[in-house]
Amino acid sequence: MARHQGKHSARRSWLSGAAAFVVIALTGFLLSTNVRVNRTTTVNNDTADLVEHSVAEVSQLQNDVNDLQKQVNNLTDALGATGSNKNGTGNSNSGSNAETSTDANSDASLMLPAVSGPGLTVTLDDSPLWENAVNDNGTTANINDYVIHQQDVESVVNALWAGGAESMKIMDQRVLFNSAVICSGNVLSIHGKKYAPPFTISAIGDPASMRKALNDSQAITILKQYVSAFGIGYKVENKENLQFEATTALLQQFKYATVDTSKTKGGE
């Protein structure tokens, strides 16, 4: 017996077909949109590339600072020469000339001059073995055992100073009295510049004394245990003639508190 198909059945078939068409159309639209987005979006997860890009930007800014510092130095010299000429015509400007000369000498004393001499370089690097330490879940619980940390860099710096280092550089940055080493993950930051490992610390001074200080350091002894157990990179090399260029970064002047006598009375 033939099956009866009424108006309600025909309507349901029509609605089902329309719904299926809408779903297919939306799916196609989403797929095409995803393709366009992927074609126009570049995702870079390479830490080294990001660090290199940041270093390039900071280097350009540092070059701009260097150029401006040279202009300041030239203007300072010109002002000093002008003051000297005025002083030669009479004694009325002698005080002004002395002040200008003092300021010029003060500015010069705040510059870190170029130095050279024998010394050491210490190179720290992450272990190449960490990739083999990944467990079945795709993670590793002890990844920190395979990378260089901030305290490792600080331990080397402190040991070199203790060994009589006269001047020091971390990567291409001269170490000042207020230099701070900051690590975020395995990226090192100093003076606003970022570096990926390996990290190189160079120090001018007596190589034998600095080597002894490194060997006597308890923190370095612990670091060497990680070198043996996890493959951390640690290399010390003697250098006959390290050369550190002058830095255009002014050293911060110290300011001291003084007694406020503006509210005191007479002999009180």
C-alpha atoms as a PDB file:
ATOM      1  CA  MET A   1       0.000   0.000   0.000  1.00  0.00           C
ATOM      2  CA  ALA A   2       1.338   3.383  -0.953  1.00  0.00           C
ATOM      3  CA  ARG A   3       2.391   5.648   1.902  1.00  0.00           C
ATOM      4  CA  HIS A   4       0.411   8.836   2.161  1.00  0.00           C
ATOM      5  CA  GLN A   5       2.426  12.059   2.014  1.00  0.00           C
ATOM      6  CA  GLY A   6       0.481  15.077   3.133  1.00  0.00           C
ATOM      7  CA  LYS A   7       1.251  18.758   3.103  1.00  0.00           C
ATOM      8  CA  HIS A   8       2.959  18.600   6.511  1.00  0.00           C
ATOM      9  CA  SER A   9       5.482  16.033   5.299  1.00  0.00           C
ATOM     10  CA  ALA A  10       6.296  18.096   2.228  1.00  0.00           C
ATOM     11  CA  ARG A  11       6.788  21.197   4.380  1.00  0.00           C
ATOM     12  CA  ARG A  12       9.123  19.385   6.763  1.00  0.00           C
ATOM     13  CA  SER A  13      11.220  18.152   3.820  1.00  0.00           C
ATOM     14  CA  TRP A  14      11.468  21.669   2.455  1.00  0.00           C
ATOM     15  CA  LEU A  15      12.516  23.111   5.831  1.00  0.00           C
ATOM     16  CA  SER A  16      15.128  20.355   6.334  1.00  0.00           C
ATOM     17  CA  GLY A  17      16.650  21.084   2.960  1.00  0.00           C
ATOM     18  CA  ALA A  18      16.773  24.834   3.658  1.00  0.00           C
ATOM     19  CA  ALA A  19      18.394  24.264   7.058  1.00  0.00           C
ATOM     20  CA  ALA A  20      21.002  21.965   5.525  1.00  0.00           C
ATOM     21  CA  PHE A  21      21.749  24.579   2.863  1.00  0.00           C
ATOM     22  CA  VAL A  22      22.210  27.302   5.509  1.00  0.00           C
ATOM     23  CA  VAL A  23      24.555  25.093   7.568  1.00  0.00           C
ATOM     24  CA  ILE A  24      26.668  24.253   4.510  1.00  0.00           C
ATOM     25  CA  ALA A  25      26.803  27.924   3.479  1.00  0.00           C
ATOM     26  CA  LEU A  26      27.926  29.014   6.965  1.00  0.00           C
ATOM     27  CA  THR A  27      30.559  26.277   7.097  1.00  0.00           C
ATOM     28  CA  GLY A  28      31.956  27.376   3.752  1.00  0.00           C
ATOM     29  CA  PHE A  29      32.013  31.002   4.876  1.00  0.00           C
ATOM     30  CA  LEU A  30      33.896  30.138   8.074  1.00  0.00           C
ATOM     31  CA  LEU A  31      36.415  28.030   6.183  1.00  0.00           C
ATOM     32  CA  SER A  32      37.071  30.762   3.617  1.00  0.00           C
ATOM     33  CA  THR A  33      37.448  33.366   6.369  1.00  0.00           C
ATOM     34  CA  ASN A  34      39.898  31.146   8.226  1.00  0.00           C
ATOM     35  CA  VAL A  35      41.982  30.717   5.077  1.00  0.00           C
ATOM     36  CA  ARG A  36      42.103  34.484   4.481  1.00  0.00           C
ATOM     37  CA  VAL A  37      43.104  35.156   8.088  1.00  0.00           C
ATOM     38  CA  ASN A  38      45.847  32.533   7.976  1.00  0.00           C
ATOM     39  CA  ARG A  39      47.184  33.986   4.743  1.00  0.00           C
ATOM     40  CA  THR A  40      47.424  37.497   6.159  1.00  0.00           C
ATOM     41  CA  THR A  41      48.599  36.671   9.684  1.00  0.00           C
ATOM     42  CA  THR A  42      52.151  35.681  10.482  1.00  0.00           C
ATOM     43  CA  VAL A  43      52.775  34.155  13.867  1.00  0.00           C
ATOM     44  CA  ASN A  44      56.341  33.988  15.063  1.00  0.00           C
ATOM     45  CA  ASN A  45      56.993  31.764  18.040  1.00  0.00           C
ATOM     46  CA  ASP A  46      60.763  31.783  17.638  1.00  0.00           C
ATOM     47  CA  THR A  47      62.174  33.439  20.756  1.00  0.00           C
ATOM     48  CA  ALA A  48      65.528  34.032  19.102  1.00  0.00           C
ATOM     49  CA  ASP A  49      63.902  35.972  16.248  1.00  0.00           C
ATOM     50  CA  LEU A  50      61.919  38.106  18.674  1.00  0.00           C
ATOM     51  CA  VAL A  51      65.035  38.837  20.709  1.00  0.00           C
ATOM     52  CA  GLU A  52      66.999  39.691  17.567  1.00  0.00           C
ATOM     53  CA  HIS A  53      64.285  42.119  16.465  1.00  0.00           C
ATOM     54  CA  SER A  54      64.235  43.791  19.889  1.00  0.00           C
ATOM     55  CA  VAL A  55      68.029  44.025  19.954  1.00  0.00           C
ATOM     56  CA  ALA A  56      68.003  45.722  16.538  1.00  0.00           C
ATOM     57  CA  GLU A  57      65.504  48.316  17.741  1.00  0.00           C
ATOM     58  CA  VAL A  58      67.442  49.013  20.940  1.00  0.00           C
ATOM     59  CA  SER A  59      70.704  49.227  18.990  1.00  0.00           C
ATOM     60  CA  GLN A  60      69.206  51.878  16.734  1.00  0.00           C
ATOM     61  CA  LEU A  61      68.019  53.850  19.755  1.00  0.00           C
ATOM     62  CA  GLN A  62      71.472  53.512  21.333  1.00  0.00           C
ATOM     63  CA  ASN A  63      73.054  54.890  18.155  1.00  0.00           C
ATOM     64  CA  ASP A  64      70.705  57.864  18.360  1.00  0.00           C
ATOM     65  CA  VAL A  65      71.730  58.399  21.989  1.00  0.00           C
ATOM     66  CA  ASN A  66      75.406  58.218  20.982  1.00  0.00           C
ATOM     67  CA  ASP A  67      74.906  60.858  18.300  1.00  0.00           C
ATOM     68  CA  LEU A  68      73.098  63.161  20.711  1.00  0.00           C
ATOM     69  CA  GLN A  69      75.802  62.639  23.337  1.00  0.00           C
ATOM     70  CA  LYS A  70      78.470  63.650  20.821  1.00  0.00           C
ATOM     71  CA  GLN A  71      76.526  66.814  20.077  1.00  0.00           C
ATOM     72  CA  VAL A  72      76.290  67.577  23.786  1.00  0.00           C
ATOM     73  CA  ASN A  73      80.043  67.052  24.183  1.00  0.00           C
ATOM     74  CA  ASN A  74      80.778  69.332  21.231  1.00  0.00           C
ATOM     75  CA  LEU A  75      78.543  72.063  22.651  1.00  0.00           C
ATOM     76  CA  THR A  76      80.149  71.660  26.072  1.00  0.00           C
ATOM     77  CA  ASP A  77      83.616  72.064  24.551  1.00  0.00           C
ATOM     78  CA  ALA A  78      82.446  75.094  22.582  1.00  0.00           C
ATOM     79  CA  LEU A  79      81.020  76.712  25.716  1.00  0.00           C
ATOM     80  CA  GLY A  80      84.259  76.002  27.561  1.00  0.00           C
ATOM     81  CA  ALA A  81      86.299  77.636  24.800  1.00  0.00           C
ATOM     82  CA  THR A  82      83.991  80.671  24.774  1.00  0.00           C
ATOM     83  CA  GLY A  83      84.302  81.080  28.515  1.00  0.00           C
ATOM     84  CA  SER A  84      88.096  80.867  28.253  1.00  0.00           C
ATOM     85  CA  ASN A  85      88.185  83.610  25.594  1.00  0.00           C
ATOM     86  CA  LYS A  86      86.011  85.883  27.703  1.00  0.00           C
ATOM     87  CA  ASN A  87      88.221  85.262  30.693  1.00  0.00           C
ATOM     88  CA  GLY A  88      91.246  86.394  28.698  1.00  0.00           C
ATOM     89  CA  THR A  89      89.745  89.866  28.149  1.00  0.00           C
ATOM     90  CA  GLY A  90      89.305  90.596  31.817  1.00  0.00           C
ATOM     91  CA  ASN A  91      88.842  89.172  35.283  1.00  0.00           C
ATOM     92  CA  SER A  92      85.114  89.866  35.600  1.00  0.00           C
ATOM     93  CA  ASN A  93      84.181  86.463  34.161  1.00  0.00           C
ATOM     94  CA  SER A  94      86.759  84.399  36.023  1.00  0.00           C
ATOM     95  CA  GLY A  95      84.157  82.916  38.350  1.00  0.00           C
ATOM     96  CA  SER A  96      81.896  81.958  35.451  1.00  0.00           C
ATOM     97  CA  ASN A  97      84.820  80.384  33.593  1.00  0.00           C
ATOM     98  CA  ALA A  98      85.827  78.360  36.641  1.00  0.00           C
ATOM     99  CA  GLU A  99      82.279  77.084  36.994  1.00  0.00           C
ATOM    100  CA  THR A 100      82.133  76.113  33.306  1.00  0.00           C
ATOM    101  CA  SER A 101      85.483  74.349  33.588  1.00  0.00           C
ATOM    102  CA  THR A 102      84.305  72.471  36.671  1.00  0.00           C
ATOM    103  CA  ASP A 103      81.137  71.347  34.900  1.00  0.00           C
ATOM    104  CA  ALA A 104      83.132  70.175  31.867  1.00  0.00           C
ATOM    105  CA  ASN A 105      85.529  68.214  34.069  1.00  0.00           C
ATOM    106  CA  SER A 106      82.586  66.758  35.966  1.00  0.00           C
ATOM    107  CA  ASP A 107      80.970  65.614  32.712  1.00  0.00           C
ATOM    108  CA  ALA A 108      84.226  64.045  31.556  1.00  0.00           C
ATOM    109  CA  SER A 109      84.661  62.204  34.860  1.00  0.00           C
ATOM    110  CA  LEU A 110      81.217  60.666  34.466  1.00  0.00           C
ATOM    111  CA  MET A 111      82.222  58.881  31.238  1.00  0.00           C
ATOM    112  CA  LEU A 112      83.522  55.324  31.384  1.00  0.00           C
ATOM    113  CA  PRO A 113      86.756  55.382  29.325  1.00  0.00           C
ATOM    114  CA  ALA A 114      87.969  52.710  26.935  1.00  0.00           C
ATOM    115  CA  VAL A 115      90.222  50.086  28.539  1.00  0.00           C
ATOM    116  CA  SER A 116      92.190  47.073  27.365  1.00  0.00           C
ATOM    117  CA  GLY A 117      94.299  44.319  28.862  1.00  0.00           C
ATOM    118  CA  PRO A 118      94.481  40.606  29.691  1.00  0.00           C
ATOM    119  CA  GLY A 119      91.592  38.856  31.347  1.00  0.00           C
ATOM    120  CA  LEU A 120      88.984  36.105  31.151  1.00  0.00           C
ATOM    121  CA  THR A 121      85.773  35.342  29.317  1.00  0.00           C
ATOM    122  CA  VAL A 122      83.141  33.068  30.839  1.00  0.00           C
ATOM    123  CA  THR A 123      80.488  31.630  28.531  1.00  0.00           C
ATOM    124  CA  LEU A 124      77.214  30.259  29.915  1.00  0.00           C
ATOM    125  CA  ASP A 125      74.738  28.354  27.770  1.00  0.00           C
ATOM    126  CA  ASP A 126      71.558  26.307  28.080  1.00  0.00           C
ATOM    127  CA  SER A 127      71.903  22.550  27.912  1.00  0.00           C
ATOM    128  CA  PRO A 128      71.189  20.882  24.563  1.00  0.00           C
ATOM    129  CA  LEU A 129      69.856  17.848  26.477  1.00  0.00           C
ATOM    130  CA  TRP A 130      66.578  19.380  27.639  1.00  0.00           C
ATOM    131  CA  GLU A 131      64.734  18.166  24.529  1.00  0.00           C
ATOM    132  CA  ASN A 132      65.536  14.595  25.564  1.00  0.00           C
ATOM    133  CA  ALA A 133      64.052  15.176  29.013  1.00  0.00           C
ATOM    134  CA  VAL A 134      60.463  15.568  27.772  1.00  0.00           C
ATOM    135  CA  ASN A 135      58.190  12.960  29.323  1.00  0.00           C
ATOM    136  CA  ASP A 136      55.239  11.065  27.838  1.00  0.00           C
ATOM    137  CA  ASN A 137      52.908  14.000  28.500  1.00  0.00           C
ATOM    138  CA  GLY A 138      54.964  16.283  26.281  1.00  0.00           C
ATOM    139  CA  THR A 139      56.279  18.322  29.200  1.00  0.00           C
ATOM    140  CA  THR A 140      59.257  18.222  31.496  1.00  0.00           C
ATOM    141  CA  ALA A 141      59.010  18.904  35.202  1.00  0.00           C
ATOM    142  CA  ASN A 142      62.692  19.821  35.569  1.00  0.00           C
ATOM    143  CA  ILE A 143      63.206  22.152  32.608  1.00  0.00           C
ATOM    144  CA  ASN A 144      64.816  24.676  34.980  1.00  0.00           C
ATOM    145  CA  ASP A 145      67.695  22.248  35.485  1.00  0.00           C
ATOM    146  CA  TYR A 146      68.667  22.630  31.834  1.00  0.00           C
ATOM    147  CA  VAL A 147      68.745  26.424  31.423  1.00  0.00           C
ATOM    148  CA  ILE A 148      70.943  29.294  32.624  1.00  0.00           C
ATOM    149  CA  HIS A 149      69.338  31.457  35.287  1.00  0.00           C
ATOM    150  CA  GLN A 150      69.837  35.007  36.505  1.00  0.00           C
ATOM    151  CA  GLN A 151      71.633  33.827  39.614  1.00  0.00           C
ATOM    152  CA  ASP A 152      74.144  31.934  37.470  1.00  0.00           C
ATOM    153  CA  VAL A 153      75.141  35.109  35.620  1.00  0.00           C
ATOM    154  CA  GLU A 154      75.251  37.038  38.897  1.00  0.00           C
ATOM    155  CA  SER A 155      77.419  34.352  40.499  1.00  0.00           C
ATOM    156  CA  VAL A 156      80.003  34.628  37.716  1.00  0.00           C
ATOM    157  CA  VAL A 157      79.972  38.442  37.884  1.00  0.00           C
ATOM    158  CA  ASN A 158      80.400  38.450  41.679  1.00  0.00           C
ATOM    159  CA  ALA A 159      83.231  35.905  41.537  1.00  0.00           C
ATOM    160  CA  LEU A 160      85.088  37.915  38.880  1.00  0.00           C
ATOM    161  CA  TRP A 161      84.805  41.102  40.919  1.00  0.00           C
ATOM    162  CA  ALA A 162      86.027  39.198  43.978  1.00  0.00           C
ATOM    163  CA  GLY A 163      88.981  37.953  41.913  1.00  0.00           C
ATOM    164  CA  GLY A 164      90.134  41.487  41.183  1.00  0.00           C
ATOM    165  CA  ALA A 165      88.386  42.291  37.911  1.00  0.00           C
ATOM    166  CA  GLU A 166      89.160  45.887  36.919  1.00  0.00           C
ATOM    167  CA  SER A 167      86.477  46.255  34.259  1.00  0.00           C
ATOM    168  CA  MET A 168      83.717  44.006  32.969  1.00  0.00           C
ATOM    169  CA  LYS A 169      81.294  43.473  30.106  1.00  0.00           C
ATOM    170  CA  ILE A 170      78.199  41.302  29.837  1.00  0.00           C
ATOM    171  CA  MET A 171      77.667  40.557  26.151  1.00  0.00           C
ATOM    172  CA  ASP A 172      78.394  43.969  24.527  1.00  0.00           C
ATOM    173  CA  GLN A 173      77.386  46.052  27.568  1.00  0.00           C
ATOM    174  CA  ARG A 174      79.890  47.649  29.928  1.00  0.00           C
ATOM    175  CA  VAL A 175      79.006  46.874  33.534  1.00  0.00           C
ATOM    176  CA  LEU A 176      78.353  50.043  35.534  1.00  0.00           C
ATOM    177  CA  PHE A 177      77.905  50.426  39.272  1.00  0.00           C
ATOM    178  CA  ASN A 178      74.135  50.420  38.807  1.00  0.00           C
ATOM    179  CA  SER A 179      73.909  47.673  36.175  1.00  0.00           C
ATOM    180  CA  ALA A 180      71.221  45.079  36.831  1.00  0.00           C
ATOM    181  CA  VAL A 181      70.991  41.640  35.240  1.00  0.00           C
ATOM    182  CA  ILE A 182      67.414  40.454  34.717  1.00  0.00           C
ATOM    183  CA  CYS A 183      66.371  37.141  33.169  1.00  0.00           C
ATOM    184  CA  SER A 184      62.904  36.390  31.833  1.00  0.00           C
ATOM    185  CA  GLY A 185      62.807  32.731  30.950  1.00  0.00           C
ATOM    186  CA  ASN A 186      66.088  32.165  29.130  1.00  0.00           C
ATOM    187  CA  VAL A 187      66.301  35.750  27.843  1.00  0.00           C
ATOM    188  CA  LEU A 188      68.774  38.076  29.551  1.00  0.00           C
ATOM    189  CA  SER A 189      68.081  41.808  29.828  1.00  0.00           C
ATOM    190  CA  ILE A 190      70.684  44.457  30.695  1.00  0.00           C
ATOM    191  CA  HIS A 191      70.488  48.203  30.086  1.00  0.00           C
ATOM    192  CA  GLY A 192      67.270  47.710  28.158  1.00  0.00           C
ATOM    193  CA  LYS A 193      68.766  45.261  25.646  1.00  0.00           C
ATOM    194  CA  LYS A 194      67.763  41.623  25.468  1.00  0.00           C
ATOM    195  CA  TYR A 195      69.974  38.659  24.640  1.00  0.00           C
ATOM    196  CA  ALA A 196      69.428  34.965  24.004  1.00  0.00           C
ATOM    197  CA  PRO A 197      71.981  32.403  25.232  1.00  0.00           C
ATOM    198  CA  PRO A 198      74.859  31.776  25.119  1.00  0.00           C
ATOM    199  CA  PHE A 199      75.811  34.579  27.510  1.00  0.00           C
ATOM    200  CA  THR A 200      79.397  35.879  27.597  1.00  0.00           C
ATOM    201  CA  ILE A 201      80.887  37.711  30.583  1.00  0.00           C
ATOM    202  CA  SER A 202      84.298  39.298  29.941  1.00  0.00           C
ATOM    203  CA  ALA A 203      86.560  40.773  32.614  1.00  0.00           C
ATOM    204  CA  ILE A 204      89.884  42.584  32.447  1.00  0.00           C
ATOM    205  CA  GLY A 205      92.254  41.741  35.281  1.00  0.00           C
ATOM    206  CA  ASP A 206      94.675  39.085  36.478  1.00  0.00           C
ATOM    207  CA  PRO A 207      93.471  35.816  34.873  1.00  0.00           C
ATOM    208  CA  ALA A 208      94.971  33.593  37.577  1.00  0.00           C
ATOM    209  CA  SER A 209      93.287  35.511  40.418  1.00  0.00           C
ATOM    210  CA  MET A 210      89.921  35.538  38.696  1.00  0.00           C
ATOM    211  CA  ARG A 211      90.113  31.818  37.874  1.00  0.00           C
ATOM    212  CA  LYS A 212      90.874  31.101  41.518  1.00  0.00           C
ATOM    213  CA  ALA A 213      87.888  33.200  42.590  1.00  0.00           C
ATOM    214  CA  LEU A 214      85.632  31.263  40.210  1.00  0.00           C
ATOM    215  CA  ASN A 215      86.926  27.939  41.539  1.00  0.00           C
ATOM    216  CA  ASP A 216      86.518  29.083  45.162  1.00  0.00           C
ATOM    217  CA  SER A 217      82.948  30.319  44.661  1.00  0.00           C
ATOM    218  CA  GLN A 218      80.357  28.052  46.278  1.00  0.00           C
ATOM    219  CA  ALA A 219      77.721  29.204  43.766  1.00  0.00           C
ATOM    220  CA  ILE A 220      79.991  28.303  40.842  1.00  0.00           C
ATOM    221  CA  THR A 221      80.678  24.923  42.447  1.00  0.00           C
ATOM    222  CA  ILE A 222      76.928  24.227  42.450  1.00  0.00           C
ATOM    223  CA  LEU A 223      76.699  25.428  38.832  1.00  0.00           C
ATOM    224  CA  LYS A 224      79.440  22.964  37.848  1.00  0.00           C
ATOM    225  CA  GLN A 225      77.341  20.148  39.325  1.00  0.00           C
ATOM    226  CA  TYR A 226      74.579  21.066  36.875  1.00  0.00           C
ATOM    227  CA  VAL A 227      77.198  21.137  34.122  1.00  0.00           C
ATOM    228  CA  SER A 228      78.034  17.509  34.869  1.00  0.00           C
ATOM    229  CA  ALA A 229      74.488  16.307  35.514  1.00  0.00           C
ATOM    230  CA  PHE A 230      72.469  18.211  32.917  1.00  0.00           C
ATOM    231  CA  GLY A 231      74.928  19.440  30.307  1.00  0.00           C
ATOM    232  CA  ILE A 232      74.772  23.157  31.165  1.00  0.00           C
ATOM    233  CA  GLY A 233      77.366  25.103  29.168  1.00  0.00           C
ATOM    234  CA  TYR A 234      80.199  26.617  31.246  1.00  0.00           C
ATOM    235  CA  LYS A 235      83.499  27.607  29.635  1.00  0.00           C
ATOM    236  CA  VAL A 236      86.333  29.799  30.959  1.00  0.00           C
ATOM    237  CA  GLU A 237      88.971  31.140  28.568  1.00  0.00           C
ATOM    238  CA  ASN A 238      92.075  33.261  29.059  1.00  0.00           C
ATOM    239  CA  LYS A 239      92.304  36.344  26.837  1.00  0.00           C
ATOM    240  CA  GLU A 240      95.567  38.166  26.155  1.00  0.00           C
ATOM    241  CA  ASN A 241      94.064  41.492  25.127  1.00  0.00           C
ATOM    242  CA  LEU A 242      90.446  42.289  25.828  1.00  0.00           C
ATOM    243  CA  GLN A 243      89.336  45.671  24.539  1.00  0.00           C
ATOM    244  CA  PHE A 244      86.354  47.493  26.027  1.00  0.00           C
ATOM    245  CA  GLU A 245      85.173  50.576  24.176  1.00  0.00           C
ATOM    246  CA  ALA A 246      84.264  53.783  25.980  1.00  0.00           C
ATOM    247  CA  THR A 247      80.641  54.038  26.943  1.00  0.00           C
ATOM    248  CA  THR A 248      78.587  57.118  26.207  1.00  0.00           C
ATOM    249  CA  ALA A 249      76.249  56.318  29.079  1.00  0.00           C
ATOM    250  CA  LEU A 250      76.755  58.838  31.864  1.00  0.00           C
ATOM    251  CA  LEU A 251      77.346  57.412  35.288  1.00  0.00           C
ATOM    252  CA  GLN A 252      74.745  58.620  37.729  1.00  0.00           C
ATOM    253  CA  GLN A 253      76.015  61.306  40.092  1.00  0.00           C
ATOM    254  CA  PHE A 254      75.582  60.621  43.791  1.00  0.00           C
ATOM    255  CA  LYS A 255      73.468  63.091  45.719  1.00  0.00           C
ATOM    256  CA  TYR A 256      73.562  63.328  49.463  1.00  0.00           C
ATOM    257  CA  ALA A 257      71.001  64.561  51.942  1.00  0.00           C
ATOM    258  CA  THR A 258      71.714  67.939  53.555  1.00  0.00           C
ATOM    259  CA  VAL A 259      70.343  69.666  56.611  1.00  0.00           C
ATOM    260  CA  ASP A 260      67.527  72.105  55.845  1.00  0.00           C
ATOM    261  CA  THR A 261      68.516  75.306  57.633  1.00  0.00           C
ATOM    262  CA  SER A 262      65.852  77.499  56.035  1.00  0.00           C
ATOM    263  CA  LYS A 263      63.600  77.275  59.114  1.00  0.00           C
ATOM    264  CA  THR A 264      66.253  77.544  61.807  1.00  0.00           C
ATOM    265  CA  LYS A 265      66.621  80.763  63.820  1.00  0.00           C
ATOM    266  CA  GLY A 266      69.798  82.634  64.447  1.00  0.00           C
ATOM    267  CA  GLY A 267      71.983  80.691  66.846  1.00  0.00           C
ATOM    268  CA  GLU A 268      69.419  77.989  67.541  1.00  0.00           C
END
